[in-house]
Protein backbone atom coordinates (compact mmCIF):
# COMPACT_ATOMS: atom_id res chain seq x y z
CA MET A 1 51.50 63.27 58.37
CA GLY A 2 49.03 60.73 59.75
CA PHE A 3 49.27 61.67 63.42
CA LYS A 4 46.38 61.17 65.82
CA VAL A 5 45.59 63.71 68.55
CA VAL A 6 44.91 62.06 71.92
CA GLN A 7 42.65 64.14 74.12
CA TRP A 8 43.47 63.57 77.79
CA ASN A 9 42.43 65.17 81.05
CA GLY A 10 45.82 64.49 82.67
CA ILE A 11 44.21 62.61 85.56
CA ASP A 12 42.76 59.28 84.40
CA ALA A 13 45.44 56.74 83.47
CA ARG A 14 45.56 55.43 79.91
CA PRO A 15 48.07 52.75 78.86
CA ILE A 16 49.56 52.61 75.37
CA VAL A 17 49.93 49.00 74.21
CA ASP A 18 51.66 47.37 71.25
CA ALA A 19 50.30 44.70 68.91
CA HIS A 20 51.11 42.02 71.52
CA GLY A 21 49.22 43.77 74.32
CA ARG A 22 52.40 44.92 76.08
CA VAL A 23 52.23 48.24 77.90
CA ILE A 24 54.99 50.25 76.20
CA ALA A 25 54.06 53.68 77.60
CA VAL A 26 51.52 55.06 80.05
CA LEU A 27 49.61 58.29 80.35
CA ALA A 28 49.79 57.79 84.10
CA GLY A 29 47.90 60.95 85.10
CA GLN A 30 47.99 62.28 88.63
CA PRO A 31 46.14 61.78 91.92
CA ARG A 32 42.61 63.13 91.86
CA SER A 33 43.35 65.49 94.72
CA PRO A 34 43.30 69.29 95.04
CA GLU A 35 46.30 68.99 97.36
CA TYR A 36 48.36 67.24 94.69
CA ALA A 37 47.37 69.80 92.05
CA ALA A 38 48.42 72.56 94.45
CA ALA A 39 51.75 70.80 95.03
CA ALA A 40 52.37 70.67 91.27
CA THR A 41 51.60 74.39 91.01
CA ARG A 42 54.02 75.19 93.83
CA ALA A 43 56.66 72.95 92.22
CA TYR A 44 56.54 75.11 89.10
CA ASP A 45 56.68 78.27 91.20
CA VAL A 46 59.84 77.13 93.02
CA LEU A 47 61.53 76.22 89.73
CA GLU A 48 60.70 79.68 88.42
CA GLU A 49 61.99 81.37 91.56
CA GLU A 50 65.26 79.45 91.31
CA ARG A 51 65.57 80.24 87.60
CA ILE A 52 65.20 83.95 88.16
CA ALA A 53 67.61 83.98 91.11
CA ALA A 54 70.21 81.88 89.26
CA ASN A 55 70.36 84.18 86.24
CA PHE A 56 71.58 81.32 84.04
CA LYS A 57 74.02 82.03 81.23
CA ALA A 58 72.38 82.44 77.83
CA SER A 59 74.52 79.59 76.46
CA MET A 60 72.81 77.13 78.82
CA LYS A 61 69.56 77.61 76.92
CA HIS A 62 70.98 76.09 73.74
CA HIS A 63 71.27 72.30 73.52
CA ARG A 64 69.99 69.49 71.34
CA ARG A 65 66.75 69.01 73.27
CA GLY A 66 65.52 72.61 73.14
CA ARG A 67 65.96 76.24 74.06
CA PHE A 68 65.67 76.18 77.83
CA VAL A 69 67.94 75.54 80.81
CA ALA A 70 68.11 71.91 81.94
CA LEU A 71 69.97 70.78 85.06
CA ASN A 72 70.64 67.13 85.91
CA ALA A 73 70.87 65.78 89.45
CA GLY A 74 71.65 62.35 90.78
CA ILE A 75 73.72 59.28 89.97
CA SER A 76 74.88 58.66 86.43
CA TYR A 77 77.51 56.72 84.52
CA GLY A 78 78.94 57.06 81.04
CA LYS A 79 80.87 59.39 78.75
CA GLY A 80 84.24 57.99 79.82
CA THR A 81 83.67 57.77 83.58
CA GLN A 82 85.15 54.74 85.33
CA ILE A 83 82.55 54.37 88.08
CA PRO A 84 78.98 55.59 88.74
CA SER A 85 78.97 58.88 90.61
CA ARG A 86 76.75 61.79 91.48
CA ILE A 87 76.59 64.51 88.86
CA ASP A 88 78.52 67.59 89.96
CA PRO A 89 77.02 70.66 88.25
CA VAL A 90 79.55 73.39 88.93
CA ASN A 91 77.95 76.43 90.61
CA TYR A 92 74.50 74.83 90.93
CA ASN A 93 74.83 72.24 93.69
CA ALA A 94 73.08 74.44 96.27
CA LEU A 95 70.21 75.15 93.88
CA LEU A 96 69.72 71.45 93.12
CA THR A 97 69.95 70.54 96.80
CA ARG A 98 67.05 72.90 97.49
CA LEU A 99 64.97 71.43 94.67
CA LEU A 100 65.66 67.83 95.69
CA GLY A 101 64.64 68.67 99.25
CA ASN A 102 61.44 70.49 98.26
CA THR A 103 58.43 68.64 99.70
CA ASP A 104 56.25 69.24 96.63
CA ILE A 105 58.89 67.92 94.24
CA ILE A 106 59.47 64.93 96.54
CA ARG A 107 55.74 64.23 96.42
CA MET A 108 55.73 64.27 92.62
CA ALA A 109 58.84 62.08 92.44
CA THR A 110 57.29 59.55 94.82
CA PHE A 111 54.09 59.38 92.77
CA ALA A 112 56.06 58.83 89.55
CA SER A 113 57.97 55.92 91.06
CA ALA A 114 54.77 54.37 92.46
CA ALA A 115 53.08 54.66 89.06
CA PHE A 116 56.06 52.92 87.47
CA ALA A 117 55.73 50.06 89.99
CA LEU A 118 52.00 49.80 89.26
CA TRP A 119 52.21 49.70 85.47
CA ALA A 120 55.50 47.83 84.98
CA PRO A 121 56.12 45.71 88.10
CA GLY A 122 58.57 43.38 86.35
CA LEU A 123 60.66 46.23 85.00
CA TYR A 124 60.43 48.05 88.33
CA ALA A 125 61.80 44.96 90.10
CA TYR A 126 64.70 44.92 87.59
CA TYR A 127 65.51 48.56 88.47
CA GLN A 128 65.21 47.70 92.16
CA ARG A 129 67.59 44.75 91.92
CA TYR A 130 70.27 46.71 90.11
CA GLY A 131 69.76 49.79 92.27
CA ASN A 132 70.22 47.75 95.43
CA ALA A 133 73.40 46.20 94.02
CA LEU A 134 74.74 49.64 93.11
CA HIS A 135 74.12 51.09 96.57
CA GLN A 136 75.51 48.05 98.36
CA ARG A 137 78.70 48.47 96.34
CA LEU A 138 78.81 52.28 96.58
CA PRO A 139 76.89 53.13 99.78
CA HIS A 140 78.16 56.72 99.78
CA LEU A 141 76.07 57.58 96.71
CA GLN A 142 72.99 59.38 97.97
CA ARG A 143 69.65 58.82 96.26
CA ASN A 144 67.77 61.83 94.92
CA PHE A 145 64.55 60.93 96.72
CA PRO A 146 63.93 58.41 99.51
CA LYS A 147 60.95 56.76 97.77
CA SER A 148 61.91 56.92 94.11
CA ILE A 149 63.45 54.04 92.18
CA PHE A 150 65.10 56.32 89.62
CA SER A 151 68.77 57.26 89.93
CA CYS A 152 68.71 60.59 88.12
CA ALA A 153 66.46 63.59 87.53
CA THR A 154 66.37 66.55 85.17
CA PHE A 155 64.78 69.91 85.89
CA ASN A 156 63.74 71.63 82.66
CA PHE A 157 63.25 75.25 83.63
CA GLY A 158 60.63 77.59 82.16
CA PRO A 159 59.18 79.92 81.44
CA SER A 160 58.65 78.13 78.09
CA ALA A 161 60.19 74.66 78.14
CA TRP A 162 59.29 72.47 75.18
CA THR A 163 61.60 69.99 73.48
CA PHE A 164 62.76 69.34 69.95
CA LYS A 165 62.44 65.83 68.50
CA HIS A 166 64.98 63.66 70.30
CA ARG A 167 65.73 60.39 72.04
CA ASP A 168 67.54 60.15 75.39
CA LEU A 169 70.26 57.72 74.35
CA MET A 170 71.94 57.55 77.77
CA ASN A 171 68.85 55.96 79.32
CA LEU A 172 68.20 52.22 79.57
CA PRO A 173 66.87 51.31 76.08
CA PHE A 174 63.91 49.26 77.33
CA GLY A 175 63.52 51.29 80.53
CA MET A 176 61.00 53.96 81.42
CA CYS A 177 61.46 57.69 81.87
CA ALA A 178 58.99 59.57 84.08
CA ILE A 179 58.02 62.97 82.65
CA GLN A 180 55.87 65.40 84.65
CA ALA A 181 54.61 68.64 83.10
CA LEU A 182 54.48 71.82 85.18
CA GLY A 183 53.18 75.33 84.66
CA ASP A 184 50.10 77.24 83.58
CA PHE A 185 49.07 76.65 79.97
CA ASP A 186 46.17 75.38 77.87
CA PRO A 187 47.02 71.71 77.15
CA THR A 188 44.54 71.56 74.29
CA ALA A 189 46.42 74.35 72.47
CA GLY A 190 50.07 73.51 73.19
CA GLY A 191 52.59 71.55 75.24
CA HIS A 192 51.45 68.25 73.68
CA LEU A 193 53.83 65.29 73.81
CA VAL A 194 54.56 64.04 70.29
CA LEU A 195 55.45 60.34 70.01
CA TRP A 196 56.85 60.15 66.50
CA GLU A 197 57.05 56.42 65.79
CA LEU A 198 53.58 55.90 67.30
CA LYS A 199 52.13 58.83 65.32
CA LEU A 200 50.48 60.23 68.47
CA VAL A 201 50.14 63.84 69.64
CA VAL A 202 49.11 63.63 73.29
CA GLU A 203 47.60 66.44 75.35
CA PHE A 204 49.85 66.82 78.42
CA PRO A 205 48.20 68.95 81.15
CA PRO A 206 50.14 70.55 84.03
CA GLY A 207 50.78 68.16 86.91
CA ALA A 208 50.32 65.05 84.75
CA LEU A 209 52.78 62.16 84.48
CA ILE A 210 53.70 60.16 81.38
CA LEU A 211 55.95 57.08 81.44
CA LEU A 212 57.76 56.18 78.21
CA PRO A 213 60.93 54.48 76.93
CA SER A 214 62.65 57.76 76.12
CA ALA A 215 65.79 56.12 74.71
CA THR A 216 63.76 54.20 72.13
CA LEU A 217 60.79 56.41 71.20
CA SER A 218 61.52 59.74 69.51
CA HIS A 219 59.55 62.45 71.30
CA SER A 220 59.09 66.21 71.43
CA ASN A 221 56.62 68.87 72.56
CA LEU A 222 54.49 71.41 70.79
CA PRO A 223 55.21 75.03 71.78
CA ILE A 224 52.90 76.80 74.24
CA GLY A 225 51.28 80.23 73.90
CA LYS A 226 53.23 83.46 74.16
CA ASN A 227 51.85 84.38 77.60
CA GLU A 228 51.78 80.84 79.00
CA ARG A 229 54.30 79.12 81.27
CA ARG A 230 55.70 75.59 81.15
CA ALA A 231 58.50 73.59 82.78
CA SER A 232 58.99 69.86 83.31
CA PHE A 233 60.55 67.39 85.72
CA THR A 234 61.88 64.02 84.57
CA GLN A 235 63.37 60.94 86.25
CA TYR A 236 65.34 58.07 84.72
CA THR A 237 68.26 55.69 85.24
CA ALA A 238 71.26 55.60 82.89
CA GLY A 239 71.71 52.37 80.98
CA GLY A 240 75.42 52.40 81.81
CA ILE A 241 74.66 51.71 85.48
CA PHE A 242 73.03 48.39 84.58
CA ARG A 243 76.01 47.43 82.38
CA TRP A 244 78.49 48.37 85.11
CA VAL A 245 76.71 46.09 87.59
CA ASP A 246 76.50 43.25 85.02
CA ASN A 247 80.25 43.60 84.43
CA GLY A 248 80.90 42.81 88.06
CA PHE A 249 81.14 46.50 89.02
CA ARG A 250 83.71 47.17 86.31
CA THR A 251 84.04 48.89 82.97
CA GLU A 252 83.97 46.67 79.90
CA ARG A 253 87.68 47.31 79.38
CA GLU A 254 88.44 46.23 82.95
CA LEU A 255 86.26 43.15 82.57
CA ALA A 256 87.99 42.15 79.32
CA ARG A 257 91.39 42.52 80.95
CA GLU A 258 90.59 40.86 84.28
CA ASP A 259 88.18 38.09 83.22
CA PRO A 260 88.24 37.33 79.47
CA ASP A 261 85.86 34.36 79.76
CA GLU A 262 83.23 36.41 81.58
CA TYR A 263 83.72 39.21 79.08
CA THR A 264 82.97 36.79 76.23
CA ARG A 265 79.86 35.56 78.03
CA ILE A 266 78.62 39.11 78.65
CA LEU A 267 79.12 40.03 75.00
CA ALA A 268 77.16 36.97 73.87
CA ALA A 269 74.35 37.79 76.29
CA LYS A 270 73.93 41.24 74.71
CA ASP A 271 72.29 39.62 71.68
CA ASP A 272 69.36 38.59 73.87
CA ARG A 273 69.21 41.67 76.09
CA TRP A 274 66.51 43.49 74.09
CA ALA A 275 64.23 40.43 74.14
CA MET A 276 64.87 40.08 77.86
CA GLY A 277 64.01 43.73 78.47
CA ILE A 278 60.83 43.60 76.40
CA GLY A 279 59.86 40.50 78.37
CA LEU A 280 59.89 42.58 81.56
CA LEU A 281 57.02 44.74 80.29
CA SER A 282 53.53 43.97 81.49
CA THR A 283 50.52 43.13 79.37
CA ILE A 284 47.03 44.33 80.13
CA ASP A 285 46.12 40.76 81.13
CA ASP A 286 49.01 40.74 83.61
CA LEU A 287 47.76 43.92 85.26
CA LEU A 288 44.02 43.28 85.39
CA PRO A 289 42.63 40.75 87.86
CA PRO A 290 40.83 37.79 86.24
CA ILE A 291 37.08 38.19 85.92
CA THR A 292 35.23 35.35 87.58
CA PRO A 293 31.68 34.65 86.42
CA GLU A 294 29.00 35.08 89.03
């Protein structure tokens, strides 16, 4: 099928660039620290402990992204809601509160946000501007993590979490999703991240972070071995939140009814939104300091 296997140690960062030199995804790696690796191991262990204790219904393991339990936590907007709000997973609020307060998961979330700021500072600033506007308008909405720019998170529980080919259409189309692999498996034999349009099959070791536009690039994982273990932790921000802020903290229907002229302007601006979003991405030249001759 013409795919290329990308061998990767899961530590050293490797950007993926397009024909114009723009960084469109990043194999962001992880800190070269035994303490961080230990934190990632413990993060998997706590997800597994919670999974076993929760005794999830079998039906929760069947959805379009795969055959594993996935729980969302944080602030989202869409699917008919009138205002951004925190997701309310019936029966699992206490479980998610424990996970969001876990120091190892907080450490991983903080690293993912910092990596996003490093590799896409323009896009990060866009998230920051809209996030600040959201929280000024709705100060009661609690963030998932004190040092993460992302509004929402998903815990993909093991013991064998790997995804079917999909795109995350609720996410900001030109935005980044932070995906962190967890568990104990051989990354050269399974668990790879498949980026379908890019024709790449990327080794994805436990503890590693990959940043990608998950609403735009189709992606999936290869299965892991029978006696191996894998889970994952992702962070993102729903595209609807950005639209709600742009609409003056209103739905499109409310905007059309209350301010028809502004509604017309917003609709016209949508034609240029993709170009604007792509323009927020960094190029390698933007990120590297200029080399001055000696």
